[in-house]
Amino acid sequence: MHPLLPARRVDPQLLPHLLVMGLIVMGTLVLMYAPQWVMQADYRSMLQTLLGIRCPFCGMTRDFAAILHGGRPVLNPGSWMAAGVAYGVYPIAVLTAWRTGRLSWFHSKMARGIVGIVLAFMMVANNWH
């Protein structure tokens, strides 16, 4: 820290969100500039391996790589929605909650319920064929 600048602490409730957004940026950069690092890995989710059903996120990595390289996502019907949430809704919601002092909302029962319902719909949609 520069001696002439006042020391600023980052809100501890904001830190996990900054970490998540940083990981989103890092993942995006990898998929944009070195997608082979991820695409060559032949991995499957435990749901798919053990039960033969696709998890809500199965196919999204390849779909995100396709989007970043001008292609269409075809492996998961929720890929566009997830991209919109990751790059738009989530950062705006975090900024708004932080500015209004309501970051604790992300840990509320309502937030968990919304996420659970959305994940259930994504799972059904990703297995509907």
Protein backbone atom coordinates (compact mmCIF):
# COMPACT_ATOMS: atom_id res chain seq x y z
CA MET A 1 0.00 0.00 0.00
CA HIS A 2 1.30 3.43 -0.87
CA PRO A 3 2.04 5.47 2.31
CA LEU A 4 0.09 8.52 1.06
CA LEU A 5 -3.07 6.60 0.25
CA PRO A 6 -5.48 5.67 3.03
CA ALA A 7 -5.76 1.95 3.72
CA ARG A 8 -9.07 0.61 2.45
CA ARG A 9 -10.59 -2.63 3.52
CA VAL A 10 -12.72 -4.60 1.16
CA ASP A 11 -16.10 -5.52 2.57
CA PRO A 12 -15.71 -9.15 3.75
CA GLN A 13 -19.16 -9.99 2.38
CA LEU A 14 -18.04 -8.75 -1.05
CA LEU A 15 -14.87 -10.89 -1.21
CA PRO A 16 -16.52 -14.20 -2.20
CA HIS A 17 -18.39 -12.44 -5.00
CA LEU A 18 -15.21 -10.79 -6.26
CA LEU A 19 -13.53 -14.19 -6.23
CA VAL A 20 -16.38 -15.76 -8.21
CA MET A 21 -16.34 -12.95 -10.78
CA GLY A 22 -12.55 -13.23 -11.05
CA LEU A 23 -12.88 -16.97 -11.69
CA ILE A 24 -15.52 -16.28 -14.35
CA VAL A 25 -13.10 -13.90 -16.08
CA MET A 26 -10.23 -16.40 -15.83
CA GLY A 27 -12.38 -19.22 -17.20
CA THR A 28 -13.53 -17.00 -20.04
CA LEU A 29 -9.94 -16.14 -20.94
CA VAL A 30 -8.96 -19.83 -20.97
CA LEU A 31 -11.94 -20.77 -23.16
CA MET A 32 -11.22 -17.83 -25.46
CA TYR A 33 -7.47 -18.19 -25.91
CA ALA A 34 -6.64 -21.81 -24.99
CA PRO A 35 -9.84 -23.86 -25.26
CA GLN A 36 -7.87 -27.03 -25.98
CA TRP A 37 -6.75 -27.07 -22.33
CA VAL A 38 -10.33 -27.76 -21.34
CA MET A 39 -11.74 -29.46 -24.42
CA GLN A 40 -9.21 -32.29 -24.47
CA ALA A 41 -10.27 -33.40 -21.00
CA ASP A 42 -12.85 -36.15 -21.27
CA TYR A 43 -14.71 -35.68 -18.03
CA ARG A 44 -18.27 -36.41 -17.02
CA SER A 45 -20.29 -35.31 -14.04
CA MET A 46 -20.98 -37.85 -11.31
CA LEU A 47 -24.70 -37.75 -12.15
CA GLN A 48 -23.96 -38.74 -15.71
CA THR A 49 -21.41 -41.39 -14.72
CA LEU A 50 -23.46 -43.02 -11.96
CA LEU A 51 -27.06 -42.45 -13.05
CA GLY A 52 -26.85 -41.71 -16.76
CA ILE A 53 -28.56 -38.33 -16.45
CA ARG A 54 -27.08 -34.98 -17.34
CA CYS A 55 -26.51 -32.40 -14.60
CA PRO A 56 -27.84 -28.84 -15.09
CA PHE A 57 -24.41 -27.77 -16.37
CA CYS A 58 -23.47 -30.70 -18.64
CA GLY A 59 -22.36 -29.33 -22.00
CA MET A 60 -21.99 -25.72 -20.90
CA THR A 61 -18.19 -25.61 -21.06
CA ARG A 62 -18.22 -26.58 -24.72
CA ASP A 63 -21.20 -24.30 -25.36
CA PHE A 64 -19.42 -21.33 -23.76
CA ALA A 65 -16.34 -22.05 -25.90
CA ALA A 66 -18.59 -22.14 -28.97
CA ILE A 67 -20.20 -18.81 -28.03
CA LEU A 68 -16.79 -17.18 -27.48
CA HIS A 69 -15.65 -18.36 -30.92
CA GLY A 70 -18.79 -17.25 -32.77
CA GLY A 71 -20.64 -20.56 -32.71
CA ARG A 72 -24.03 -21.56 -31.42
CA PRO A 73 -24.46 -23.43 -28.15
CA VAL A 74 -26.14 -26.76 -28.89
CA LEU A 75 -25.28 -29.06 -25.96
CA ASN A 76 -27.28 -27.44 -23.16
CA PRO A 77 -30.50 -25.44 -23.61
CA GLY A 78 -29.62 -23.30 -20.56
CA SER A 79 -26.26 -22.08 -21.87
CA TRP A 80 -27.48 -18.68 -23.09
CA MET A 81 -29.35 -18.07 -19.86
CA ALA A 82 -26.33 -19.08 -17.75
CA ALA A 83 -24.06 -16.80 -19.81
CA GLY A 84 -26.49 -13.91 -19.32
CA VAL A 85 -26.61 -14.52 -15.58
CA ALA A 86 -22.83 -14.93 -15.23
CA TYR A 87 -21.91 -11.86 -17.27
CA GLY A 88 -24.86 -9.57 -16.63
CA VAL A 89 -27.35 -10.38 -13.91
CA TYR A 90 -24.89 -11.59 -11.25
CA PRO A 91 -22.41 -8.68 -11.44
CA ILE A 92 -25.25 -6.13 -11.48
CA ALA A 93 -27.00 -7.86 -8.57
CA VAL A 94 -23.77 -7.93 -6.54
CA LEU A 95 -23.04 -4.27 -7.27
CA THR A 96 -26.59 -3.25 -6.39
CA ALA A 97 -26.62 -5.33 -3.19
CA TRP A 98 -23.22 -3.98 -2.16
CA ARG A 99 -24.19 -0.35 -2.80
CA THR A 100 -27.41 -0.75 -0.81
CA GLY A 101 -25.84 -2.76 2.00
CA ARG A 102 -27.80 -5.92 1.22
CA LEU A 103 -25.11 -8.45 0.29
CA SER A 104 -26.52 -10.78 2.92
CA TRP A 105 -29.49 -11.37 0.57
CA PHE A 106 -27.33 -13.87 -1.35
CA HIS A 107 -27.35 -16.07 1.78
CA SER A 108 -31.07 -15.77 2.39
CA LYS A 109 -33.64 -18.53 2.24
CA MET A 110 -35.26 -16.82 -0.74
CA ALA A 111 -32.01 -16.75 -2.73
CA ARG A 112 -31.38 -20.45 -2.01
CA GLY A 113 -34.95 -21.26 -3.05
CA ILE A 114 -34.65 -19.36 -6.32
CA VAL A 115 -31.34 -21.08 -7.14
CA GLY A 116 -32.81 -24.49 -6.29
CA ILE A 117 -35.85 -23.97 -8.52
CA VAL A 118 -33.75 -22.68 -11.42
CA LEU A 119 -31.34 -25.63 -11.11
CA ALA A 120 -34.27 -28.08 -11.10
CA PHE A 121 -35.67 -26.52 -14.30
CA MET A 122 -32.20 -26.56 -15.89
CA MET A 123 -31.79 -30.23 -15.03
CA VAL A 124 -35.15 -31.15 -16.54
CA ALA A 125 -34.46 -29.08 -19.67
CA ASN A 126 -30.98 -30.60 -20.09
CA ASN A 127 -32.42 -34.13 -19.99
CA TRP A 128 -35.52 -33.49 -22.11
CA HIS A 129 -34.90 -35.38 -25.32
